[in-house]
Structures are given as structure tokens and as C-alpha cells.
Protein backbone atom coordinates (compact mmCIF):
# COMPACT_ATOMS: atom_id res chain seq x y z
CA MET A 1 0.02 -0.05 0.05
CA SER A 2 1.36 3.45 -0.90
CA VAL A 3 2.07 5.84 1.89
CA PRO A 4 2.41 9.62 1.74
CA HIS A 5 5.71 11.06 0.69
CA THR A 6 7.67 13.84 2.18
CA TYR A 7 10.75 15.83 1.09
CA LEU A 8 13.78 15.95 3.29
CA ASN A 9 17.29 17.34 2.48
CA GLY A 10 17.43 16.57 -1.23
CA ARG A 11 15.14 13.47 -1.28
CA ILE A 12 11.51 12.68 -1.63
CA LEU A 13 10.85 9.43 0.41
CA PRO A 14 8.07 7.74 2.24
CA ALA A 15 6.99 9.84 5.38
CA THR A 16 7.67 6.76 7.46
CA ASP A 17 11.29 6.92 6.41
CA ALA A 18 12.04 10.57 7.13
CA THR A 19 14.20 11.06 10.34
CA LEU A 20 16.31 14.05 11.60
CA SER A 21 19.42 13.76 13.73
CA LEU A 22 18.74 14.71 17.45
CA ALA A 23 21.76 17.06 17.14
CA ASP A 24 19.84 19.12 14.77
CA ALA A 25 19.51 22.77 15.77
CA GLY A 26 15.78 22.42 15.18
CA PHE A 27 15.67 19.88 18.26
CA VAL A 28 18.54 21.29 20.22
CA SER A 29 17.71 25.03 20.02
CA GLY A 30 14.34 25.15 18.52
CA ALA A 31 15.87 27.04 15.65
CA THR A 32 13.06 26.31 13.11
CA ILE A 33 11.39 28.55 10.57
CA VAL A 34 8.06 27.09 9.40
CA ASP A 35 5.44 27.84 6.78
CA ASN A 36 1.89 26.48 6.49
CA ALA A 37 -0.01 26.79 3.36
CA ARG A 38 -2.98 24.99 2.05
CA THR A 39 -4.80 23.99 -1.12
CA TYR A 40 -8.41 24.69 -2.25
CA GLY A 41 -9.62 22.30 -4.94
CA GLY A 42 -6.10 21.00 -5.13
CA THR A 43 -4.53 24.29 -5.88
CA LEU A 44 -2.06 26.02 -3.43
CA PHE A 45 -3.57 29.32 -2.22
CA ARG A 46 -1.29 32.37 -1.98
CA TRP A 47 1.67 30.17 -2.46
CA ALA A 48 3.91 33.00 -3.65
CA GLU A 49 3.27 34.99 -0.45
CA HIS A 50 3.92 32.05 1.67
CA LEU A 51 7.25 31.42 -0.06
CA SER A 52 8.29 35.23 0.31
CA ARG A 53 7.35 35.18 4.08
CA PHE A 54 9.23 31.99 4.61
CA ARG A 55 12.32 33.21 2.84
CA ARG A 56 12.12 36.56 4.77
CA ASP A 57 11.91 34.74 8.07
CA CYS A 58 14.70 32.52 7.36
CA GLU A 59 17.04 35.49 6.45
CA ARG A 60 15.81 37.32 9.54
CA CYS A 61 16.84 34.25 11.74
CA PHE A 62 19.96 33.32 10.06
CA VAL A 63 18.62 29.90 9.01
CA PRO A 64 20.07 29.09 5.48
CA LEU A 65 17.55 28.45 2.67
CA LEU A 66 19.44 27.14 -0.19
CA ALA A 67 16.56 26.17 -2.29
CA SER A 68 15.07 28.59 -4.96
CA ASP A 69 11.33 29.47 -4.96
CA ASP A 70 11.07 27.34 -8.30
CA GLU A 71 12.53 24.38 -6.59
CA LEU A 72 10.20 24.75 -3.60
CA THR A 73 7.36 24.95 -5.85
CA ARG A 74 8.36 21.95 -7.79
CA LEU A 75 8.63 19.85 -4.63
CA ALA A 76 5.19 21.01 -3.32
CA GLY A 77 3.64 20.08 -6.69
CA GLU A 78 5.30 16.61 -6.73
CA LEU A 79 4.23 15.97 -2.94
CA LEU A 80 0.69 17.08 -3.69
CA ALA A 81 0.44 14.82 -6.87
CA HIS A 82 1.39 11.89 -4.86
CA ASN A 83 -0.32 12.63 -1.54
CA ARG A 84 -3.67 14.08 -2.46
CA PRO A 85 -4.90 10.80 -4.16
CA LEU A 86 -3.91 8.96 -1.03
CA ALA A 87 -6.24 11.41 0.94
CA GLY A 88 -9.23 10.72 -1.12
CA MET A 89 -8.53 14.02 -3.16
CA GLN A 90 -9.08 16.10 0.05
CA ASP A 91 -7.43 19.40 0.28
CA LEU A 92 -3.96 19.36 2.06
CA HIS A 93 -1.66 21.56 3.99
CA VAL A 94 1.83 21.84 2.86
CA VAL A 95 4.21 22.49 5.56
CA THR A 96 7.68 23.60 4.90
CA VAL A 97 10.42 23.59 7.54
CA ALA A 98 13.91 24.90 7.64
CA THR A 99 16.55 24.62 10.41
CA PRO A 100 20.41 25.36 10.49
CA GLY A 101 20.96 21.55 10.74
CA PRO A 102 23.39 19.72 12.96
CA PRO A 103 26.76 21.42 14.06
CA GLY A 104 29.12 21.40 11.11
CA GLY A 105 26.54 19.84 8.80
CA SER A 106 24.34 21.09 6.12
CA PRO A 107 21.10 23.08 6.85
CA THR A 108 17.87 21.09 7.08
CA LEU A 109 14.80 21.56 4.61
CA ALA A 110 11.79 19.47 4.99
CA MET A 111 8.34 19.51 3.26
CA SER A 112 5.36 17.54 4.06
CA THR A 113 1.58 17.51 3.66
CA TYR A 114 -1.45 16.53 5.95
CA PRO A 115 -5.13 16.73 5.36
CA ILE A 116 -7.19 19.81 6.41
CA ARG A 117 -8.24 19.31 9.90
CA VAL A 118 -12.08 19.10 9.32
CA GLU A 119 -13.06 18.00 12.76
CA ARG A 120 -10.89 20.57 14.47
CA TYR A 121 -12.48 23.47 12.65
CA ARG A 122 -16.04 22.19 12.07
CA PRO A 123 -17.37 23.85 15.39
CA PHE A 124 -16.15 27.33 14.21
CA PHE A 125 -18.91 27.00 11.39
CA THR A 126 -21.64 25.12 13.29
CA ASP A 127 -21.33 26.77 16.77
CA GLY A 128 -19.22 29.77 16.36
CA VAL A 129 -15.63 30.53 17.54
CA THR A 130 -14.94 30.85 21.11
CA LEU A 131 -11.99 32.87 22.14
CA ALA A 132 -10.36 32.61 25.62
CA VAL A 133 -7.48 34.88 26.88
CA VAL A 134 -5.00 32.73 29.08
CA GLY A 135 -2.07 35.09 29.54
CA THR A 136 0.62 37.21 28.12
CA GLN A 137 3.83 36.85 25.94
CA SER A 138 5.27 40.14 25.49
CA PHE A 139 7.46 40.94 22.50
CA LYS A 140 8.82 44.33 21.41
CA PRO A 141 9.55 45.32 17.60
CA TYR A 142 13.23 45.67 18.33
CA ASP A 143 13.55 42.18 20.11
CA LEU A 144 15.87 39.75 18.57
CA LEU A 145 12.88 37.67 17.65
CA THR A 146 9.87 39.62 16.82
CA ALA A 147 6.27 38.53 17.08
CA SER A 148 5.82 38.48 13.31
CA VAL A 149 8.17 35.59 12.64
CA LYS A 150 6.56 32.21 11.85
CA HIS A 151 8.81 29.65 13.79
CA ARG A 152 8.34 26.27 15.69
CA SER A 153 9.66 27.69 19.18
CA ARG A 154 6.02 27.47 20.29
CA LEU A 155 6.21 26.51 23.89
CA HIS A 156 4.08 29.35 25.06
CA TRP A 157 1.22 28.17 22.62
CA HIS A 158 1.64 24.72 23.96
CA ILE A 159 1.14 26.07 27.64
CA ALA A 160 -1.81 28.19 26.39
CA GLU A 161 -3.47 25.14 24.99
CA ARG A 162 -3.23 23.08 28.05
CA ALA A 163 -4.28 26.23 30.27
CA VAL A 164 -7.48 26.83 28.37
CA ALA A 165 -8.51 23.27 27.86
CA ALA A 166 -9.95 22.64 31.49
CA LYS A 167 -11.66 25.91 32.00
CA HIS A 168 -13.06 26.65 28.37
CA PRO A 169 -13.11 23.34 26.33
CA GLY A 170 -12.95 23.84 22.77
CA ALA A 171 -11.98 27.53 23.03
CA VAL A 172 -9.26 29.05 20.99
CA PRO A 173 -6.37 30.12 23.40
CA VAL A 174 -5.50 33.83 23.03
CA VAL A 175 -2.20 35.27 24.04
CA LEU A 176 -1.87 39.01 24.79
CA ASN A 177 1.12 41.01 23.44
CA HIS A 178 1.04 44.32 25.09
CA GLY A 179 -2.65 44.04 25.15
CA VAL A 180 -3.14 42.91 21.55
CA GLY A 181 -4.59 39.37 21.21
CA ASP A 182 -3.16 36.63 18.81
CA THR A 183 -3.76 32.99 18.34
CA ALA A 184 -1.53 30.05 17.23
CA ILE A 185 -4.02 29.22 14.39
CA GLY A 186 -5.13 32.67 12.98
CA ALA A 187 -5.39 36.48 13.42
CA ILE A 188 -7.96 38.16 15.11
CA ALA A 189 -9.64 41.18 13.41
CA ALA A 190 -12.78 43.40 14.44
CA VAL A 191 -15.50 45.06 12.66
CA HIS A 192 -16.43 48.63 13.58
CA ALA A 193 -19.81 49.86 13.63
CA ASP A 194 -19.22 51.91 10.54
CA GLY A 195 -18.14 48.84 8.63
CA THR A 196 -14.41 49.35 8.78
CA LEU A 197 -12.24 46.14 9.30
CA LEU A 198 -10.04 46.87 12.32
CA LEU A 199 -6.50 45.04 12.15
CA PRO A 200 -4.10 44.47 14.95
CA PRO A 201 -0.78 46.34 14.81
CA PRO A 202 1.47 44.23 12.63
CA GLU A 203 4.38 44.44 14.92
CA LEU A 204 2.57 42.86 17.65
CA VAL A 205 1.15 39.70 16.04
CA GLN A 206 2.26 36.78 13.71
CA ASP A 207 2.39 37.96 10.19
CA SER A 208 -0.74 36.66 8.73
CA ILE A 209 -1.40 36.22 4.82
CA SER A 210 -5.11 35.26 5.75
CA LEU A 211 -5.56 38.75 7.28
CA LYS A 212 -4.22 40.44 4.20
CA VAL A 213 -6.75 38.55 2.16
CA LEU A 214 -9.58 39.85 4.38
CA THR A 215 -8.27 43.46 3.92
CA GLU A 216 -8.51 42.93 0.25
CA LEU A 217 -11.98 41.46 0.29
CA THR A 218 -13.23 44.02 2.86
CA GLY A 219 -11.96 47.23 0.97
CA ARG A 220 -12.21 49.31 4.02
CA SER A 221 -9.59 48.72 6.91
CA ARG A 222 -7.40 50.50 9.27
CA VAL A 223 -4.85 49.44 12.08
CA GLU A 224 -6.28 50.12 15.46
CA ARG A 225 -5.84 48.72 18.96
CA PHE A 226 -9.57 47.73 19.25
CA SER A 227 -11.26 46.76 22.30
CA TRP A 228 -13.42 43.63 22.49
CA TRP A 229 -15.79 45.39 24.92
CA SER A 230 -16.31 48.58 22.95
CA ASP A 231 -19.73 49.19 21.70
CA ASP A 232 -18.16 50.26 18.39
CA VAL A 233 -16.83 46.69 17.79
CA VAL A 234 -19.89 44.90 16.41
CA GLU A 235 -18.19 41.58 15.08
CA LEU A 236 -15.03 39.62 15.68
CA LEU A 237 -13.45 37.49 13.13
CA LEU A 238 -10.75 34.94 13.21
CA THR A 239 -8.77 34.16 10.00
CA GLY A 240 -6.15 31.53 9.46
CA THR A 241 -4.72 29.13 6.72
CA GLY A 242 -6.52 26.10 7.92
CA PHE A 243 -10.04 27.43 7.89
CA GLY A 244 -10.21 30.64 6.00
CA VAL A 245 -12.39 33.03 7.89
CA ALA A 246 -14.69 32.39 10.80
CA SER A 247 -17.02 34.42 13.13
CA VAL A 248 -16.46 34.78 16.75
CA LYS A 249 -19.40 34.13 18.92
CA THR A 250 -17.76 34.31 22.49
CA VAL A 251 -14.81 35.93 24.10
CA HIS A 252 -13.78 35.00 27.72
CA HIS A 253 -11.31 37.57 29.22
CA GLY A 254 -12.35 37.93 32.73
CA ASP A 255 -15.89 38.82 31.84
CA THR A 256 -17.68 37.23 28.85
CA ARG A 257 -18.98 38.91 25.84
CA THR A 258 -21.11 37.34 23.31
CA PHE A 259 -21.69 38.45 19.76
CA ASP A 260 -24.64 38.08 17.34
CA TRP A 261 -23.39 35.10 15.43
CA PRO A 262 -22.79 34.73 12.50
CA GLY A 263 -22.34 38.46 11.66
CA PRO A 264 -23.28 40.11 8.48
CA MET A 265 -19.68 41.13 7.81
CA TYR A 266 -18.64 37.62 8.11
CA ARG A 267 -21.42 36.43 5.79
CA ARG A 268 -20.20 38.74 3.21
CA LEU A 269 -16.58 37.81 3.57
CA ALA A 270 -17.36 34.14 3.61
CA LYS A 271 -19.14 34.40 0.24
CA ALA A 272 -16.30 36.55 -1.24
CA TRP A 273 -13.52 34.16 0.08
CA SER A 274 -15.36 31.10 -1.31
CA GLU A 275 -15.57 33.02 -4.69
CA LEU A 276 -11.87 33.98 -4.49
CA VAL A 277 -10.80 30.27 -4.03
CA GLY A 278 -13.46 28.61 -6.06
CA VAL A 279 -14.63 26.39 -3.37
CA ASP A 280 -17.33 26.66 -0.75
CA TYR A 281 -15.13 26.44 2.07
CA GLU A 282 -17.68 26.40 4.82
CA LYS A 283 -19.20 23.15 3.25
CA GLN A 284 -15.63 21.56 3.66
CA PHE A 285 -16.18 21.75 7.41
CA THR A 286 -19.93 21.38 7.86
CA GLU A 287 -20.80 18.58 5.33
CA VAL A 288 -20.29 15.16 6.91
CA PRO A 289 -19.13 12.59 4.31
């Protein structure tokens, strides 16, 4: 029986045969840059932007990336051609990882795929998103490692997941950076009563390609440190690679606020997003095979 393939350091091989040295800096120091893209209808979405961010973050963090964009694109295509039929032609994530490698050795480059997490994200579209603030992790724009970089040193997100699980099962953990909320799976945006999309300050959150898509689809946006409790904030949105855009119903942060769900801006954006990708993405999560 055929098994999914992965790419590792110059070779495409069965995923079960892909191994890394325990001396790799990705293990020893957590020095790992990562990108997570996805397909819609088998086609990679915003792939060029994902590659650009990945290469930028590798340069920022002194992680060598020797492969060209053309080579990375070819590898992604080969993996999708082999792995998607094995997944029943479902859409897939494509995860690309780079590390400095082991001491004295060559840098590590890996690429793998996995199916969209339908069960994980289904409640977003059947019940609404619940957010729960669990703590803070403060970064400053001049820190050596800024909040915008996509990396695998994610221990604070692991702690956040465990901290929220007992108190608010199923909620998405939110970590505050100087009062601005972010999540491990997507960016938080707000809708002002005047119809403007409010965006978090980019230097305080992970760089989100999905958030850029929302700004394009909305047409009216501005960067603002919005308050979830303000009467001017009439909707909250969560947007991320794995699920597109979803509507927030509940926020737990000391007190609890509940929004009308799903909101009208969300409905407009969900329709526009589906038209953009050529797939009714909500149905991917709500239709049970």
C-alpha cells in the first residue's frame, strides 16, 4: 500500500522513513522556521506570498535556505500529486520547515503534507468561534525575535492550549502581546460599527497572509488597537490558513462577551472568500461525508 511522501534534504521519500538527527539545531535550540500553506480544490492558495514570508523569516533568523522558489514550488507540486490521491482527493496543508541543521553539517529543509483538519475546525462553522485569553507573552518590535516571525519555538502556545482546555473546552487560546490578542491558528480582526475592518498592529502579532486576504476582500480597513468590549466593535473575526475566515461568538477575558453570530460582515466575507478560491470552504467543514 502506498504511503504519503515527504521531502527531506534533497530526497523525496516515504514519510515513515524521514528522520532527523537529534543534534539538529531544530531540536537542540528550537531554531526552526516554518510555513503552513493549503490547497483549495487541489491548488495552493497564495503560495508566492507564503514563499516570500518563509524566505524573509529564514533570512531574519540566520537559517540558511538554499533552495530557490522554483525548486520549492516543484517539490510542493510533486508531493501534492502523490499525496492528494491517498487522502481521497481532500485538500491538504503543505508544511515547509528549515533549520540550521546539526553542528558542522548542512542546513535542514523538509516539506510534508497533511489533510485539512475538518473535525478541528467544524465547530467554528456550526457553533461559532470561542476565544479565551489565557495570559501574556510580550514581544517588542526591536526584540531579537519579533512577534511576526513564523517559527516552531512555540512553547508558550503549548502552555496556552493546556491552560485553556480545562476551563473553556473547545475555546481557541488567546495570548496578549502588550494588550493585543493573537492565536496560534489565526489572526483576530474586528468590525467597527461603521463597517471598517480593524486590524491589529502588525508588529505585535504573527504575520498573517489570511489577514491580508480579508483586507483585500473588505476594501475598508485600518490598523487600530481595538477593544473587544467597545460598543463600536460589532463583530470579531478569526482568520487563518487552515479554515479561511470564521465568526467569533464568545470571548472570555475575565468577563464574557457574546456577539450576534454569524455577523453580516462575516457572511459577506465568507461568500467573497469562497468565490476567490473557487470552493465553498464552509461546506468542507460542515458537510459530513
